[in-house]
N, C-alpha and C. Protein backbone atom coordinates (compact mmCIF):
# COMPACT_ATOMS: atom_id res chain seq x y z
N MET A 1 139.98 120.76 117.41
CA MET A 1 139.83 120.93 118.66
C MET A 1 139.66 119.69 119.72
N PHE A 2 140.33 119.37 120.66
CA PHE A 2 140.32 118.35 121.75
C PHE A 2 138.71 118.79 122.23
N VAL A 3 138.13 120.11 122.49
CA VAL A 3 136.68 120.09 123.09
C VAL A 3 135.33 119.92 122.32
N GLU A 4 135.91 119.84 120.52
CA GLU A 4 135.03 120.07 119.43
C GLU A 4 134.39 118.49 119.67
N GLN A 5 135.70 117.26 119.40
CA GLN A 5 135.64 116.07 119.44
C GLN A 5 134.96 115.64 120.33
N VAL A 6 134.59 116.20 121.69
CA VAL A 6 134.69 115.34 123.18
C VAL A 6 132.75 115.87 122.83
N LEU A 7 132.65 117.31 122.08
CA LEU A 7 131.13 117.95 122.22
C LEU A 7 130.24 117.32 121.30
N ARG A 8 131.04 116.97 120.01
CA ARG A 8 130.31 115.96 118.81
C ARG A 8 130.00 114.87 119.42
N GLN A 9 131.07 114.21 119.86
CA GLN A 9 130.72 112.35 120.38
C GLN A 9 129.77 112.33 121.16
N TYR A 10 129.69 113.03 122.43
CA TYR A 10 128.89 112.80 123.36
C TYR A 10 128.02 113.82 123.66
N ILE A 11 127.71 115.06 123.05
CA ILE A 11 125.94 115.71 123.17
C ILE A 11 125.26 115.40 121.92
N THR A 12 123.69 115.03 122.42
CA THR A 12 123.17 114.91 121.42
C THR A 12 122.20 116.18 121.29
N GLY A 13 121.71 116.27 122.43
CA GLY A 13 120.61 117.57 122.77
C GLY A 13 120.79 118.69 123.59
N PRO A 14 119.99 119.63 123.85
CA PRO A 14 120.43 120.53 124.11
C PRO A 14 121.01 120.63 125.62
N VAL A 15 122.43 121.51 126.06
CA VAL A 15 122.66 121.55 126.90
C VAL A 15 122.41 122.75 127.80
N LYS A 16 123.67 122.93 129.05
CA LYS A 16 123.86 123.73 129.89
C LYS A 16 125.37 124.17 130.09
N MET A 17 125.96 124.68 129.17
CA MET A 17 127.49 125.12 129.66
C MET A 17 128.33 125.68 130.26
N LEU A 18 128.88 125.75 131.16
CA LEU A 18 129.69 126.61 132.14
C LEU A 18 130.90 126.68 131.44
N ASP A 19 131.67 127.69 131.34
CA ASP A 19 133.24 127.91 130.94
C ASP A 19 133.66 128.93 132.19
N LEU A 20 134.47 128.28 132.92
CA LEU A 20 134.72 128.80 134.23
C LEU A 20 135.70 130.48 133.92
N CYS A 21 136.71 129.66 132.99
CA CYS A 21 137.77 130.45 132.73
C CYS A 21 137.53 130.92 130.79
N ALA A 22 137.06 131.89 130.85
CA ALA A 22 136.21 132.28 129.39
C ALA A 22 137.79 132.71 128.35
N ALA A 23 138.36 133.27 128.98
CA ALA A 23 139.38 134.73 128.47
C ALA A 23 140.57 133.65 127.97
N PRO A 24 140.34 133.62 126.24
CA PRO A 24 140.45 135.15 125.51
C PRO A 24 139.14 134.89 124.75
N GLY A 25 138.41 133.96 124.92
CA GLY A 25 137.35 133.84 123.88
C GLY A 25 137.12 132.94 122.93
N GLY A 26 138.08 132.28 122.81
CA GLY A 26 138.19 131.31 121.94
C GLY A 26 137.41 129.97 121.71
N LYS A 27 137.96 129.29 123.28
CA LYS A 27 137.09 128.20 123.49
C LYS A 27 135.87 128.28 124.12
N SER A 28 135.10 128.85 124.16
CA SER A 28 133.98 128.85 124.75
C SER A 28 133.13 129.69 123.40
N THR A 29 133.83 130.26 122.01
CA THR A 29 132.85 130.27 120.88
C THR A 29 132.97 128.88 119.88
N HIS A 30 134.19 128.51 120.18
CA HIS A 30 134.76 127.53 119.43
C HIS A 30 133.57 125.94 119.85
N ALA A 31 133.05 126.11 121.21
CA ALA A 31 132.51 125.28 121.71
C ALA A 31 130.77 125.96 121.62
N ARG A 32 131.01 127.15 121.55
CA ARG A 32 129.26 127.56 121.04
C ARG A 32 128.63 126.88 119.50
N SER A 33 129.71 127.08 118.91
CA SER A 33 129.68 126.70 117.57
C SER A 33 128.98 125.51 117.26
N VAL A 34 129.58 124.77 118.43
CA VAL A 34 129.34 123.06 118.07
C VAL A 34 128.21 122.72 118.61
N LEU A 35 127.75 123.39 119.92
CA LEU A 35 126.49 122.82 121.08
C LEU A 35 125.34 122.97 119.92
N PRO A 36 124.62 121.68 120.40
CA PRO A 36 122.98 121.98 119.68
C PRO A 36 122.31 122.43 120.01
N GLU A 37 121.29 122.87 118.73
CA GLU A 37 120.72 124.19 118.72
C GLU A 37 119.91 124.19 120.13
N GLY A 38 119.49 125.04 121.14
CA GLY A 38 119.03 125.15 122.16
C GLY A 38 120.17 125.32 123.15
N SER A 39 121.09 124.74 123.11
CA SER A 39 121.70 125.24 124.66
C SER A 39 122.22 126.32 124.79
N LEU A 40 122.48 126.27 126.03
CA LEU A 40 122.92 127.76 126.74
C LEU A 40 124.41 127.68 127.63
N LEU A 41 125.39 128.57 126.74
CA LEU A 41 126.56 128.64 126.72
C LEU A 41 126.69 129.85 128.40
N VAL A 42 127.47 130.05 129.15
CA VAL A 42 127.58 130.65 130.47
C VAL A 42 128.82 130.69 130.55
N ALA A 43 129.73 131.31 130.15
CA ALA A 43 131.49 131.91 129.88
C ALA A 43 131.30 133.04 131.22
N ASN A 44 132.12 132.36 132.00
CA ASN A 44 132.59 133.26 133.10
C ASN A 44 134.13 133.92 132.92
N GLU A 45 134.07 135.16 133.51
CA GLU A 45 135.99 135.58 133.65
C GLU A 45 135.94 137.00 134.58
N VAL A 46 136.71 136.29 135.51
CA VAL A 46 136.55 137.42 136.60
C VAL A 46 137.82 138.27 136.49
N ILE A 47 138.58 138.47 135.39
CA ILE A 47 139.87 139.02 135.51
C ILE A 47 138.64 140.42 134.28
N ARG A 48 138.73 141.96 134.92
CA ARG A 48 137.66 142.65 134.18
C ARG A 48 138.06 142.79 132.52
N LYS A 49 139.62 142.84 132.32
CA LYS A 49 139.88 143.01 131.09
C LYS A 49 140.19 141.88 130.37
N SER A 50 139.79 141.46 131.28
CA SER A 50 139.82 139.83 129.84
C SER A 50 138.46 139.11 129.56
N PHE A 51 137.59 139.92 130.27
CA PHE A 51 136.39 139.76 130.17
C PHE A 51 135.92 140.71 129.23
N ALA A 52 136.99 142.20 129.04
CA ALA A 52 136.11 142.84 128.28
C ALA A 52 136.77 141.64 126.98
N ASP A 53 138.33 141.53 126.69
CA ASP A 53 138.65 141.02 125.45
C ASP A 53 137.45 139.64 125.03
N SER A 54 137.14 138.76 125.65
CA SER A 54 136.21 137.81 125.43
C SER A 54 134.77 138.50 125.07
N CYS A 55 134.18 139.27 125.42
CA CYS A 55 133.02 140.14 124.48
C CYS A 55 133.31 140.65 123.48
N GLY A 56 134.31 140.96 123.12
CA GLY A 56 134.83 141.36 121.90
C GLY A 56 134.71 140.31 120.75
N GLU A 57 135.31 138.72 121.68
CA GLU A 57 135.72 137.99 120.67
C GLU A 57 134.21 137.32 120.24
N PHE A 58 133.41 137.37 121.21
CA PHE A 58 131.83 137.02 121.09
C PHE A 58 131.70 137.90 119.85
N ASN A 59 131.18 139.10 120.16
CA ASN A 59 130.45 140.20 119.29
C ASN A 59 131.03 139.22 117.94
N GLU A 60 132.47 139.86 117.65
CA GLU A 60 132.84 139.49 116.39
C GLU A 60 132.42 138.12 116.05
N VAL A 61 132.28 137.22 116.18
CA VAL A 61 131.54 135.83 115.88
C VAL A 61 129.93 135.85 115.56
N GLY A 62 129.69 136.83 116.20
CA GLY A 62 127.78 137.36 116.39
C GLY A 62 127.51 136.03 117.75
N THR A 63 127.81 135.91 118.84
CA THR A 63 126.77 135.46 119.57
C THR A 63 126.31 137.01 120.45
N SER A 64 125.20 136.12 120.62
CA SER A 64 124.42 137.41 121.28
C SER A 64 124.44 137.04 122.66
N GLY A 65 124.28 138.51 123.71
CA GLY A 65 123.87 138.10 124.90
C GLY A 65 125.30 138.00 125.87
N CYS A 66 126.09 139.35 125.29
CA CYS A 66 127.43 139.24 126.16
C CYS A 66 127.14 140.83 127.00
N GLY A 67 126.87 140.15 128.43
CA GLY A 67 127.31 141.36 129.15
C GLY A 67 127.93 140.76 130.68
N GLY A 68 127.93 141.92 131.71
CA GLY A 68 129.08 141.63 132.92
C GLY A 68 127.98 142.56 133.83
N TYR A 69 128.49 142.00 135.12
CA TYR A 69 128.15 142.81 136.52
C TYR A 69 129.49 143.71 137.01
N GLN A 70 129.55 144.73 136.99
CA GLN A 70 130.83 145.24 138.00
C GLN A 70 130.62 145.34 139.50
């Protein structure tokens, strides 16, 4: 995946990453799996149903901290 190649080539230490179109969650979960330890990923989704789907995806792969505002 292109995102993985870019992250592995250019990111060497902890970073803060923002995904503004997080649904359905595959891109964010994949990016989180290759980010260095200590990194922070914020995945934003404005469509409520899509946000719920993304949280489900994150929970399936064991990523913690999924929450939202109504």
